Amino acid sequence: MKITAVFLSLFFVFGLAACNTMEGAGKDVEAAGDAVEDSARENKNY
């Protein structure tokens, strides 16, 4: 779980630093949401 949190934190930092437009920011946020969904699916306990 800690590794996932570190990965997501780094993703947000680099993703926000890389986007120059609102469209780029939207794509970064969407990618971050996908990463969170994937992590949630992988860590289901049922």
C-alpha atoms as a PDB file:
ATOM      1  CA  MET A   1       0.000   0.000   0.000  1.00  0.00           C
ATOM      2  CA  LYS A   2       2.848   2.394   0.769  1.00  0.00           C
ATOM      3  CA  ILE A   3       4.386   1.717  -2.622  1.00  0.00           C
ATOM      4  CA  THR A   4       1.098   2.606  -4.292  1.00  0.00           C
ATOM      5  CA  ALA A   5       0.886   5.867  -2.349  1.00  0.00           C
ATOM      6  CA  VAL A   6       4.446   6.791  -3.310  1.00  0.00           C
ATOM      7  CA  PHE A   7       3.779   5.929  -6.948  1.00  0.00           C
ATOM      8  CA  LEU A   8       0.612   8.011  -7.048  1.00  0.00           C
ATOM      9  CA  SER A   9       2.330  10.948  -5.354  1.00  0.00           C
ATOM     10  CA  LEU A  10       5.151  10.901  -7.888  1.00  0.00           C
ATOM     11  CA  PHE A  11       2.652  10.515 -10.710  1.00  0.00           C
ATOM     12  CA  PHE A  12       0.745  13.606  -9.572  1.00  0.00           C
ATOM     13  CA  VAL A  13       3.914  15.684  -9.223  1.00  0.00           C
ATOM     14  CA  PHE A  14       5.310  14.756 -12.624  1.00  0.00           C
ATOM     15  CA  GLY A  15       1.910  14.791 -14.285  1.00  0.00           C
ATOM     16  CA  LEU A  16       1.053  18.272 -13.104  1.00  0.00           C
ATOM     17  CA  ALA A  17       4.516  19.560 -13.958  1.00  0.00           C
ATOM     18  CA  ALA A  18       4.200  18.189 -17.491  1.00  0.00           C
ATOM     19  CA  CYS A  19       0.812  19.625 -18.446  1.00  0.00           C
ATOM     20  CA  ASN A  20       0.781  23.032 -20.115  1.00  0.00           C
ATOM     21  CA  THR A  21      -2.903  23.350 -20.921  1.00  0.00           C
ATOM     22  CA  MET A  22      -6.239  22.551 -19.337  1.00  0.00           C
ATOM     23  CA  GLU A  23      -6.592  19.673 -21.788  1.00  0.00           C
ATOM     24  CA  GLY A  24      -3.270  18.280 -20.594  1.00  0.00           C
ATOM     25  CA  ALA A  25      -4.367  18.682 -16.984  1.00  0.00           C
ATOM     26  CA  GLY A  26      -7.588  16.822 -17.734  1.00  0.00           C
ATOM     27  CA  LYS A  27      -5.673  13.948 -19.289  1.00  0.00           C
ATOM     28  CA  ASP A  28      -3.345  13.813 -16.279  1.00  0.00           C
ATOM     29  CA  VAL A  29      -6.269  13.719 -13.846  1.00  0.00           C
ATOM     30  CA  GLU A  30      -7.989  11.029 -15.899  1.00  0.00           C
ATOM     31  CA  ALA A  31      -4.826   8.911 -15.947  1.00  0.00           C
ATOM     32  CA  ALA A  32      -4.477   9.340 -12.180  1.00  0.00           C
ATOM     33  CA  GLY A  33      -8.081   8.217 -11.705  1.00  0.00           C
ATOM     34  CA  ASP A  34      -7.410   5.152 -13.840  1.00  0.00           C
ATOM     35  CA  ALA A  35      -4.370   4.329 -11.714  1.00  0.00           C
ATOM     36  CA  VAL A  36      -6.454   4.591  -8.534  1.00  0.00           C
ATOM     37  CA  GLU A  37      -9.146   2.337 -10.015  1.00  0.00           C
ATOM     38  CA  ASP A  38      -6.559  -0.248 -11.065  1.00  0.00           C
ATOM     39  CA  SER A  39      -4.998  -0.201  -7.611  1.00  0.00           C
ATOM     40  CA  ALA A  40      -8.410  -0.629  -5.977  1.00  0.00           C
ATOM     41  CA  ARG A  41      -9.201  -3.617  -8.197  1.00  0.00           C
ATOM     42  CA  GLU A  42      -5.859  -5.235  -7.391  1.00  0.00           C
ATOM     43  CA  ASN A  43      -6.280  -4.785  -3.638  1.00  0.00           C
ATOM     44  CA  LYS A  44      -9.839  -6.085  -3.235  1.00  0.00           C
ATOM     45  CA  ASN A  45     -10.048  -8.637  -0.456  1.00  0.00           C
ATOM     46  CA  TYR A  46     -13.274 -10.300  -1.540  1.00  0.00           C
END
